[in-house]
Amino acid sequence: MDSEPTSPKPAPSEKEAAPPAQPPHELAPYRGTGISWALVFGIVITVLVAVLAAANTTPVEVNLIFWKVQAPLITLILIVIVLAVIVDELVGIAVRRRRRQRLHEQHQLRQLKQDSK
C-alpha cells in the first residue's frame, strides 16, 4: 500500500465560486422518521376495540321511538363511533371549505390592492 502524505485542500479563494446555496423556499427531500405514529395509534385502537368487543357481547335492548332492537353492546358502541367519525369529518369539511374560501377572498383582495397601486 502506498501511503502518500495528503496535503490539506487550500481554502477557496475569492475567485472560486462557492457552491450555490439552496434557496430558502425549497425544502429538502422528505426522509421518513422510521416510526409511523399513525400506524402505532391505529394498532393500539384496534387492540382496544378487540378487548372491548370481547368484554361486551351481552345483548341489550334499544328502544327507538316505535322500534325495539336487541343487539350486542359492542355493535351499538361501534355504530355510535362510526356515526361520530362521519359527523366529525362532515363538520371538518365544512370548516375547511369556509376557511379556504375566506383565504381565497383575502388573496383576491390583496391582488386588487396591489394592482391598483
C-alpha atoms as a PDB file:
ATOM      1  CA  MET A   1       0.000   0.000   0.000  1.00  0.00           C
ATOM      2  CA  ASP A   2       1.349   3.351  -0.980  1.00  0.00           C
ATOM      3  CA  SER A   3       0.748   5.887   1.650  1.00  0.00           C
ATOM      4  CA  GLU A   4       1.405   9.268   0.264  1.00  0.00           C
ATOM      5  CA  PRO A   5       1.021  12.206   2.572  1.00  0.00           C
ATOM      6  CA  THR A   6      -2.087  14.152   1.682  1.00  0.00           C
ATOM      7  CA  SER A   7      -1.947  17.867   1.944  1.00  0.00           C
ATOM      8  CA  PRO A   8      -4.991  19.731   3.132  1.00  0.00           C
ATOM      9  CA  LYS A   9      -7.023  21.402   0.446  1.00  0.00           C
ATOM     10  CA  PRO A  10      -6.408  25.101   0.183  1.00  0.00           C
ATOM     11  CA  ALA A  11      -9.149  27.410   1.313  1.00  0.00           C
ATOM     12  CA  PRO A  12     -11.332  28.626  -1.531  1.00  0.00           C
ATOM     13  CA  SER A  13     -10.093  31.910  -2.850  1.00  0.00           C
ATOM     14  CA  GLU A  14     -12.275  34.829  -3.663  1.00  0.00           C
ATOM     15  CA  LYS A  15     -12.066  33.948  -7.346  1.00  0.00           C
ATOM     16  CA  GLU A  16     -13.504  30.464  -6.838  1.00  0.00           C
ATOM     17  CA  ALA A  17     -17.248  30.414  -6.636  1.00  0.00           C
ATOM     18  CA  ALA A  18     -18.788  28.743  -3.628  1.00  0.00           C
ATOM     19  CA  PRO A  19     -21.410  26.133  -4.450  1.00  0.00           C
ATOM     20  CA  PRO A  20     -24.816  27.786  -4.787  1.00  0.00           C
ATOM     21  CA  ALA A  21     -26.864  27.578  -1.612  1.00  0.00           C
ATOM     22  CA  GLN A  22     -30.319  26.096  -1.776  1.00  0.00           C
ATOM     23  CA  PRO A  23     -32.946  28.827  -1.951  1.00  0.00           C
ATOM     24  CA  PRO A  24     -34.860  29.094   1.342  1.00  0.00           C
ATOM     25  CA  HIS A  25     -38.199  28.321  -0.299  1.00  0.00           C
ATOM     26  CA  GLU A  26     -37.080  24.873  -1.473  1.00  0.00           C
ATOM     27  CA  LEU A  27     -37.399  22.132   1.077  1.00  0.00           C
ATOM     28  CA  ALA A  28     -35.052  19.227   1.412  1.00  0.00           C
ATOM     29  CA  PRO A  29     -36.473  15.891   0.250  1.00  0.00           C
ATOM     30  CA  TYR A  30     -38.605  14.120   2.834  1.00  0.00           C
ATOM     31  CA  ARG A  31     -36.903  11.398   4.798  1.00  0.00           C
ATOM     32  CA  GLY A  32     -39.018   9.123   6.967  1.00  0.00           C
ATOM     33  CA  THR A  33     -38.582   9.066  10.706  1.00  0.00           C
ATOM     34  CA  GLY A  34     -38.779   5.291  10.935  1.00  0.00           C
ATOM     35  CA  ILE A  35     -41.908   5.181  13.086  1.00  0.00           C
ATOM     36  CA  SER A  36     -45.312   5.876  11.665  1.00  0.00           C
ATOM     37  CA  TRP A  37     -47.208   7.206  14.642  1.00  0.00           C
ATOM     38  CA  ALA A  38     -50.492   6.862  12.768  1.00  0.00           C
ATOM     39  CA  LEU A  39     -49.808   3.140  12.355  1.00  0.00           C
ATOM     40  CA  VAL A  40     -48.940   2.756  16.049  1.00  0.00           C
ATOM     41  CA  PHE A  41     -52.085   4.658  17.019  1.00  0.00           C
ATOM     42  CA  GLY A  42     -54.183   2.501  14.663  1.00  0.00           C
ATOM     43  CA  ILE A  43     -52.799  -0.716  16.155  1.00  0.00           C
ATOM     44  CA  VAL A  44     -53.497   0.493  19.711  1.00  0.00           C
ATOM     45  CA  ILE A  45     -57.076   1.431  18.783  1.00  0.00           C
ATOM     46  CA  THR A  46     -57.594  -1.936  17.067  1.00  0.00           C
ATOM     47  CA  VAL A  47     -56.404  -3.803  20.152  1.00  0.00           C
ATOM     48  CA  LEU A  48     -58.657  -1.695  22.386  1.00  0.00           C
ATOM     49  CA  VAL A  49     -61.680  -2.359  20.165  1.00  0.00           C
ATOM     50  CA  ALA A  50     -60.926  -6.097  20.176  1.00  0.00           C
ATOM     51  CA  VAL A  51     -60.763  -6.121  24.001  1.00  0.00           C
ATOM     52  CA  LEU A  52     -63.936  -4.042  24.166  1.00  0.00           C
ATOM     53  CA  ALA A  53     -65.696  -6.435  21.787  1.00  0.00           C
ATOM     54  CA  ALA A  54     -64.697  -9.475  23.838  1.00  0.00           C
ATOM     55  CA  ALA A  55     -65.926  -7.859  27.057  1.00  0.00           C
ATOM     56  CA  ASN A  56     -69.264  -6.539  25.714  1.00  0.00           C
ATOM     57  CA  THR A  57     -71.047  -9.373  23.943  1.00  0.00           C
ATOM     58  CA  THR A  58     -74.163  -9.186  26.120  1.00  0.00           C
ATOM     59  CA  PRO A  59     -77.265  -8.344  24.095  1.00  0.00           C
ATOM     60  CA  VAL A  60     -79.021  -5.125  25.076  1.00  0.00           C
ATOM     61  CA  GLU A  61     -82.411  -3.784  24.096  1.00  0.00           C
ATOM     62  CA  VAL A  62     -82.598  -0.405  22.385  1.00  0.00           C
ATOM     63  CA  ASN A  63     -85.912   1.457  22.188  1.00  0.00           C
ATOM     64  CA  LEU A  64     -86.117   3.846  19.248  1.00  0.00           C
ATOM     65  CA  ILE A  65     -89.492   5.666  19.314  1.00  0.00           C
ATOM     66  CA  PHE A  66     -91.664   2.844  17.851  1.00  0.00           C
ATOM     67  CA  TRP A  67     -88.935   0.304  17.233  1.00  0.00           C
ATOM     68  CA  LYS A  68     -87.264  -2.120  19.615  1.00  0.00           C
ATOM     69  CA  VAL A  69     -83.950  -3.746  18.733  1.00  0.00           C
ATOM     70  CA  GLN A  70     -81.802  -6.231  20.564  1.00  0.00           C
ATOM     71  CA  ALA A  71     -78.132  -6.221  19.667  1.00  0.00           C
ATOM     72  CA  PRO A  72     -74.772  -6.875  21.320  1.00  0.00           C
ATOM     73  CA  LEU A  73     -73.483  -3.851  23.185  1.00  0.00           C
ATOM     74  CA  ILE A  74     -70.288  -3.743  21.118  1.00  0.00           C
ATOM     75  CA  THR A  75     -72.355  -3.399  17.931  1.00  0.00           C
ATOM     76  CA  LEU A  76     -74.101  -0.343  19.336  1.00  0.00           C
ATOM     77  CA  ILE A  77     -70.801   1.120  20.550  1.00  0.00           C
ATOM     78  CA  LEU A  78     -69.220   0.649  17.104  1.00  0.00           C
ATOM     79  CA  ILE A  79     -72.236   2.183  15.346  1.00  0.00           C
ATOM     80  CA  VAL A  80     -72.024   5.248  17.590  1.00  0.00           C
ATOM     81  CA  ILE A  81     -68.256   5.537  16.970  1.00  0.00           C
ATOM     82  CA  VAL A  82     -68.711   5.321  13.184  1.00  0.00           C
ATOM     83  CA  LEU A  83     -71.511   7.903  13.244  1.00  0.00           C
ATOM     84  CA  ALA A  84     -69.370  10.242  15.380  1.00  0.00           C
ATOM     85  CA  VAL A  85     -66.458   9.946  12.927  1.00  0.00           C
ATOM     86  CA  ILE A  86     -68.755  10.655   9.968  1.00  0.00           C
ATOM     87  CA  VAL A  87     -70.254  13.742  11.648  1.00  0.00           C
ATOM     88  CA  ASP A  88     -66.764  14.939  12.643  1.00  0.00           C
ATOM     89  CA  GLU A  89     -65.490  14.589   9.066  1.00  0.00           C
ATOM     90  CA  LEU A  90     -68.512  16.394   7.614  1.00  0.00           C
ATOM     91  CA  VAL A  91     -68.082  19.298  10.040  1.00  0.00           C
ATOM     92  CA  GLY A  92     -64.337  19.367   9.276  1.00  0.00           C
ATOM     93  CA  ILE A  93     -65.008  19.501   5.538  1.00  0.00           C
ATOM     94  CA  ALA A  94     -67.411  22.424   6.007  1.00  0.00           C
ATOM     95  CA  VAL A  95     -64.935  24.328   8.201  1.00  0.00           C
ATOM     96  CA  ARG A  96     -62.024  23.740   5.797  1.00  0.00           C
ATOM     97  CA  ARG A  97     -64.118  24.808   2.803  1.00  0.00           C
ATOM     98  CA  ARG A  98     -65.162  28.011   4.570  1.00  0.00           C
ATOM     99  CA  ARG A  99     -61.542  28.733   5.578  1.00  0.00           C
ATOM    100  CA  ARG A 100     -60.282  28.134   2.019  1.00  0.00           C
ATOM    101  CA  GLN A 101     -62.962  30.438   0.650  1.00  0.00           C
ATOM    102  CA  ARG A 102     -62.048  33.176   3.159  1.00  0.00           C
ATOM    103  CA  LEU A 103     -58.330  32.836   2.358  1.00  0.00           C
ATOM    104  CA  HIS A 104     -59.079  32.938  -1.375  1.00  0.00           C
ATOM    105  CA  GLU A 105     -61.125  36.117  -0.909  1.00  0.00           C
ATOM    106  CA  GLN A 106     -58.298  37.697   1.139  1.00  0.00           C
ATOM    107  CA  HIS A 107     -55.804  36.767  -1.597  1.00  0.00           C
ATOM    108  CA  GLN A 108     -58.031  38.332  -4.260  1.00  0.00           C
ATOM    109  CA  LEU A 109     -58.349  41.485  -2.146  1.00  0.00           C
ATOM    110  CA  ARG A 110     -54.563  41.727  -1.797  1.00  0.00           C
ATOM    111  CA  GLN A 111     -54.182  41.270  -5.577  1.00  0.00           C
ATOM    112  CA  LEU A 112     -56.696  44.056  -6.221  1.00  0.00           C
ATOM    113  CA  LYS A 113     -54.868  46.380  -3.811  1.00  0.00           C
ATOM    114  CA  GLN A 114     -51.526  45.631  -5.490  1.00  0.00           C
ATOM    115  CA  ASP A 115     -52.988  46.120  -8.972  1.00  0.00           C
ATOM    116  CA  SER A 116     -54.488  49.489  -8.008  1.00  0.00           C
ATOM    117  CA  LYS A 117     -51.132  50.914  -6.869  1.00  0.00           C
END
